[in-house]
Each structure stands twice: as structure tokens, then as C-alpha cells.
C-alpha atoms as a PDB file:
ATOM      1  CA  UNK A   1      80.237  71.628  83.332  1.00  0.00           C
ATOM      2  CA  UNK A   2      83.736  72.957  83.081  1.00  0.00           C
ATOM      3  CA  UNK A   3      82.690  76.197  81.693  1.00  0.00           C
ATOM      4  CA  UNK A   4      80.187  76.709  84.503  1.00  0.00           C
ATOM      5  CA  UNK A   5      83.114  76.227  87.008  1.00  0.00           C
ATOM      6  CA  UNK A   6      85.319  78.791  84.991  1.00  0.00           C
ATOM      7  CA  UNK A   7      82.082  81.188  85.115  1.00  0.00           C
ATOM      8  CA  UNK A   8      81.196  80.927  88.816  1.00  0.00           C
ATOM      9  CA  UNK A   9      85.143  80.834  89.749  1.00  0.00           C
ATOM     10  CA  UNK A  10      85.299  84.632  87.475  1.00  0.00           C
ATOM     11  CA  UNK A  11      82.497  85.835  89.274  1.00  0.00           C
ATOM     12  CA  UNK A  12      83.563  85.003  92.562  1.00  0.00           C
ATOM     13  CA  UNK A  13      86.716  86.435  91.899  1.00  0.00           C
ATOM     14  CA  UNK A  14      85.267  89.800  90.487  1.00  0.00           C
ATOM     15  CA  UNK A  15      82.780  90.052  93.677  1.00  0.00           C
ATOM     16  CA  UNK A  16      85.949  89.668  95.713  1.00  0.00           C
ATOM     17  CA  UNK A  17      88.043  92.111  94.027  1.00  0.00           C
ATOM     18  CA  UNK A  18      85.092  95.065  94.413  1.00  0.00           C
ATOM     19  CA  UNK A  19      84.578  94.186  98.040  1.00  0.00           C
ATOM     20  CA  UNK A  20      88.391  94.586  98.625  1.00  0.00           C
ATOM     21  CA  UNK A  21      88.637  97.871  96.719  1.00  0.00           C
ATOM     22  CA  UNK A  22      90.011 100.364  98.902  1.00  0.00           C
ATOM     23  CA  UNK A  23      87.928 103.971 100.021  1.00  0.00           C
ATOM     24  CA  UNK A  24      90.192 106.862  99.425  1.00  0.00           C
ATOM     25  CA  UNK A  25      89.317 109.588 102.200  1.00  0.00           C
ATOM     26  CA  UNK A  26      90.150 113.005 100.336  1.00  0.00           C
ATOM     27  CA  UNK A  27      90.357 116.927 100.135  1.00  0.00           C
ATOM     28  CA  UNK A  28      90.990 119.804  98.309  1.00  0.00           C
ATOM     29  CA  UNK A  29      94.167 120.018  96.709  1.00  0.00           C
ATOM     30  CA  UNK A  30      94.931 123.207  98.417  1.00  0.00           C
ATOM     31  CA  UNK A  31      94.246 122.004 101.966  1.00  0.00           C
ATOM     32  CA  UNK A  32      97.516 121.794 104.057  1.00  0.00           C
ATOM     33  CA  UNK A  33      95.777 120.500 106.931  1.00  0.00           C
ATOM     34  CA  UNK A  34      97.572 116.709 108.337  1.00  0.00           C
ATOM     35  CA  UNK A  35      94.852 113.934 108.975  1.00  0.00           C
ATOM     36  CA  UNK A  36      95.472 110.993 110.673  1.00  0.00           C
ATOM     37  CA  UNK A  37      92.553 108.185 111.256  1.00  0.00           C
ATOM     38  CA  UNK A  38      91.517 109.347 114.857  1.00  0.00           C
ATOM     39  CA  UNK A  39      91.124 113.495 113.049  1.00  0.00           C
ATOM     40  CA  UNK A  40      89.225 111.678 110.701  1.00  0.00           C
ATOM     41  CA  UNK A  41      86.752 109.521 112.923  1.00  0.00           C
ATOM     42  CA  UNK A  42      86.149 112.820 115.311  1.00  0.00           C
ATOM     43  CA  UNK A  43      85.136 115.098 111.724  1.00  0.00           C
ATOM     44  CA  UNK A  44      82.735 112.434 110.798  1.00  0.00           C
ATOM     45  CA  UNK A  45      81.211 112.132 114.453  1.00  0.00           C
ATOM     46  CA  UNK A  46      81.105 115.929 114.466  1.00  0.00           C
ATOM     47  CA  UNK A  47      83.452 116.326 117.291  1.00  0.00           C
ATOM     48  CA  UNK A  48      85.580 118.610 115.163  1.00  0.00           C
ATOM     49  CA  UNK A  49      83.839 121.112 113.859  1.00  0.00           C
ATOM     50  CA  UNK A  50      86.639 123.329 112.327  1.00  0.00           C
ATOM     51  CA  UNK A  51      90.314 123.059 110.506  1.00  0.00           C
ATOM     52  CA  UNK A  52      93.185 124.061 112.403  1.00  0.00           C
ATOM     53  CA  UNK A  53      93.179 127.321 110.671  1.00  0.00           C
ATOM     54  CA  UNK A  54      89.858 127.794 111.918  1.00  0.00           C
ATOM     55  CA  UNK A  55      87.627 127.314 108.716  1.00  0.00           C
ATOM     56  CA  UNK A  56      84.127 125.422 109.321  1.00  0.00           C
ATOM     57  CA  UNK A  57      84.924 121.918 108.002  1.00  0.00           C
ATOM     58  CA  UNK A  58      82.085 120.380 105.248  1.00  0.00           C
ATOM     59  CA  UNK A  59      81.973 116.813 105.695  1.00  0.00           C
ATOM     60  CA  UNK A  60      80.797 114.797 102.729  1.00  0.00           C
ATOM     61  CA  UNK A  61      79.784 111.355 102.231  1.00  0.00           C
ATOM     62  CA  UNK A  62      78.384 109.344  99.846  1.00  0.00           C
ATOM     63  CA  UNK A  63      74.713 108.006  99.921  1.00  0.00           C
ATOM     64  CA  UNK A  64      73.967 104.784 101.875  1.00  0.00           C
ATOM     65  CA  UNK A  65      73.739 102.620  99.561  1.00  0.00           C
ATOM     66  CA  UNK A  66      77.064 103.547  98.216  1.00  0.00           C
ATOM     67  CA  UNK A  67      79.407  99.933  98.936  1.00  0.00           C
ATOM     68  CA  UNK A  68      82.110 102.746  99.378  1.00  0.00           C
ATOM     69  CA  UNK A  69      80.006 104.441 102.470  1.00  0.00           C
ATOM     70  CA  UNK A  70      79.337 101.166 103.836  1.00  0.00           C
ATOM     71  CA  UNK A  71      83.363 100.286 103.813  1.00  0.00           C
ATOM     72  CA  UNK A  72      84.240 103.594 105.354  1.00  0.00           C
ATOM     73  CA  UNK A  73      81.870 103.738 108.075  1.00  0.00           C
ATOM     74  CA  UNK A  74      82.962 100.081 109.354  1.00  0.00           C
ATOM     75  CA  UNK A  75      86.527 100.727 108.462  1.00  0.00           C
ATOM     76  CA  UNK A  76      87.378 104.572 109.476  1.00  0.00           C
ATOM     77  CA  UNK A  77      84.151 104.739 112.264  1.00  0.00           C
ATOM     78  CA  UNK A  78      83.410 101.453 113.463  1.00  0.00           C
ATOM     79  CA  UNK A  79      79.933 101.641 112.868  1.00  0.00           C
ATOM     80  CA  UNK A  80      77.701 100.211 110.719  1.00  0.00           C
ATOM     81  CA  UNK A  81      75.437 102.180 108.254  1.00  0.00           C
ATOM     82  CA  UNK A  82      72.195 102.054 110.633  1.00  0.00           C
ATOM     83  CA  UNK A  83      74.716 102.894 113.814  1.00  0.00           C
ATOM     84  CA  UNK A  84      75.829 105.900 111.684  1.00  0.00           C
ATOM     85  CA  UNK A  85      72.216 107.336 110.761  1.00  0.00           C
ATOM     86  CA  UNK A  86      71.121 106.698 114.615  1.00  0.00           C
ATOM     87  CA  UNK A  87      74.312 108.603 116.100  1.00  0.00           C
ATOM     88  CA  UNK A  88      73.472 111.709 113.729  1.00  0.00           C
ATOM     89  CA  UNK A  89      69.654 111.410 114.575  1.00  0.00           C
ATOM     90  CA  UNK A  90      70.682 111.829 118.177  1.00  0.00           C
ATOM     91  CA  UNK A  91      73.090 114.458 117.277  1.00  0.00           C
ATOM     92  CA  UNK A  92      71.233 116.496 115.250  1.00  0.00           C
ATOM     93  CA  UNK A  93      68.092 115.954 117.180  1.00  0.00           C
ATOM     94  CA  UNK A  94      69.842 117.950 120.428  1.00  0.00           C
ATOM     95  CA  UNK A  95      70.925 120.732 118.329  1.00  0.00           C
ATOM     96  CA  UNK A  96      74.506 119.622 118.688  1.00  0.00           C
ATOM     97  CA  UNK A  97      75.241 119.152 115.182  1.00  0.00           C
ATOM     98  CA  UNK A  98      74.634 118.658 111.552  1.00  0.00           C
ATOM     99  CA  UNK A  99      74.737 115.285 110.102  1.00  0.00           C
ATOM    100  CA  UNK A 100      77.406 115.016 106.606  1.00  0.00           C
ATOM    101  CA  UNK A 101      76.153 115.985 103.345  1.00  0.00           C
ATOM    102  CA  UNK A 102      75.142 113.277 101.225  1.00  0.00           C
ATOM    103  CA  UNK A 103      76.617 113.234  97.420  1.00  0.00           C
ATOM    104  CA  UNK A 104      75.541 110.749  94.712  1.00  0.00           C
ATOM    105  CA  UNK A 105      78.334 109.200  93.365  1.00  0.00           C
ATOM    106  CA  UNK A 106      82.564 109.514  93.157  1.00  0.00           C
ATOM    107  CA  UNK A 107      82.738 112.050  90.442  1.00  0.00           C
ATOM    108  CA  UNK A 108      80.112 114.239  92.205  1.00  0.00           C
ATOM    109  CA  UNK A 109      82.518 113.940  95.447  1.00  0.00           C
ATOM    110  CA  UNK A 110      85.411 114.753  93.457  1.00  0.00           C
ATOM    111  CA  UNK A 111      83.594 118.084  92.249  1.00  0.00           C
ATOM    112  CA  UNK A 112      82.685 119.505  95.802  1.00  0.00           C
ATOM    113  CA  UNK A 113      85.783 118.944  97.334  1.00  0.00           C
ATOM    114  CA  UNK A 114      87.429 120.714  94.391  1.00  0.00           C
ATOM    115  CA  UNK A 115      85.231 123.797  95.015  1.00  0.00           C
ATOM    116  CA  UNK A 116      85.382 124.113  98.891  1.00  0.00           C
ATOM    117  CA  UNK A 117      88.947 124.116 100.160  1.00  0.00           C
ATOM    118  CA  UNK A 118      87.792 123.327 103.610  1.00  0.00           C
ATOM    119  CA  UNK A 119      85.713 120.153 102.112  1.00  0.00           C
ATOM    120  CA  UNK A 120      86.628 116.747 103.419  1.00  0.00           C
ATOM    121  CA  UNK A 121      85.033 113.175 101.790  1.00  0.00           C
ATOM    122  CA  UNK A 122      85.994 109.350 100.533  1.00  0.00           C
ATOM    123  CA  UNK A 123      85.491 107.828  97.078  1.00  0.00           C
ATOM    124  CA  UNK A 124      86.478 104.518  95.971  1.00  0.00           C
ATOM    125  CA  UNK A 125      90.448 104.701  95.568  1.00  0.00           C
ATOM    126  CA  UNK A 126      89.930 103.765  91.948  1.00  0.00           C
ATOM    127  CA  UNK A 127      88.355 107.033  91.089  1.00  0.00           C
ATOM    128  CA  UNK A 128      90.764 109.407  92.383  1.00  0.00           C
ATOM    129  CA  UNK A 129      92.011 111.870  90.382  1.00  0.00           C
ATOM    130  CA  UNK A 130      94.737 114.669  90.122  1.00  0.00           C
ATOM    131  CA  UNK A 131      91.766 117.362  91.404  1.00  0.00           C
ATOM    132  CA  UNK A 132      92.183 116.124  95.226  1.00  0.00           C
ATOM    133  CA  UNK A 133      94.409 115.192  97.672  1.00  0.00           C
ATOM    134  CA  UNK A 134      94.374 111.777  99.377  1.00  0.00           C
ATOM    135  CA  UNK A 135      94.692 111.725 103.100  1.00  0.00           C
ATOM    136  CA  UNK A 136      93.929 108.441 104.361  1.00  0.00           C
ATOM    137  CA  UNK A 137      93.027 105.033 103.150  1.00  0.00           C
ATOM    138  CA  UNK A 138      90.851 102.709 104.202  1.00  0.00           C
END
């Protein structure tokens, strides 16, 4: 019985630490723009379409089933995944914008950000490398 309690407690702690992991918003390391929480939210909601230097911003997101996606959308955008999808369905239908491009993994996100100086995305903070610059955490 005691072994069961220890195993159960360990599993709960692991689940808690995974759910409490931070999400980092990342950009290309050459990007010199400043990004506050309000700017990030406006970018992800399609209200800002270009960086201050005039370059069109490339907005990237992880897939809907990634835990980082749920955490980012709830923390940074105050939207659930379904609210975010519904929002972008309306915007796209009216021709007022294009939803963020989905990538499959943290590694794919880093590679996409490295190759495009005007891109922005988010990943698990534990996956951040020196190839990208962190501009915010949620």
C-alpha cells in the first residue's frame, strides 16, 4: 500500500510540473523589435500584420493538441482553443486575415523562426535554444 501512495504521489507531481511549464514566445535572434504582452496578443489576433520596420510578420503556432498551444492561448490571448479557432474562422471568412501557420513540434518551430527574421512563435520554455530570442513567457 505504501508503494502505491509513493507511486501515485510521484505521478501527480510529474503531471503538475508538466502543466506548470512555461511557454516562451520566440523570434529570430536578429529581430530587434520590442514585444510586450499587448503587442503579442494583437499579432496573434491579426490586428498587427507588420513589424515596425514594415516587414510582414509571419505568425506561427503549434498544433491545437499541443499543451503549449492551450497554455499560450489561455494565458496570452485569454481564449480557449475553440474560441481561437472560431475567431480566426470569422476573420478568414470575411477576408480580413489569414490564421497563423501551424507547425508540428518545438523543433520545427525553432527551425522556422531561425529561417525567417520576421516570424514569431511560441514553444515550451524548456525547448528554447540559443538559435532564437525569447521576447516573453507565459
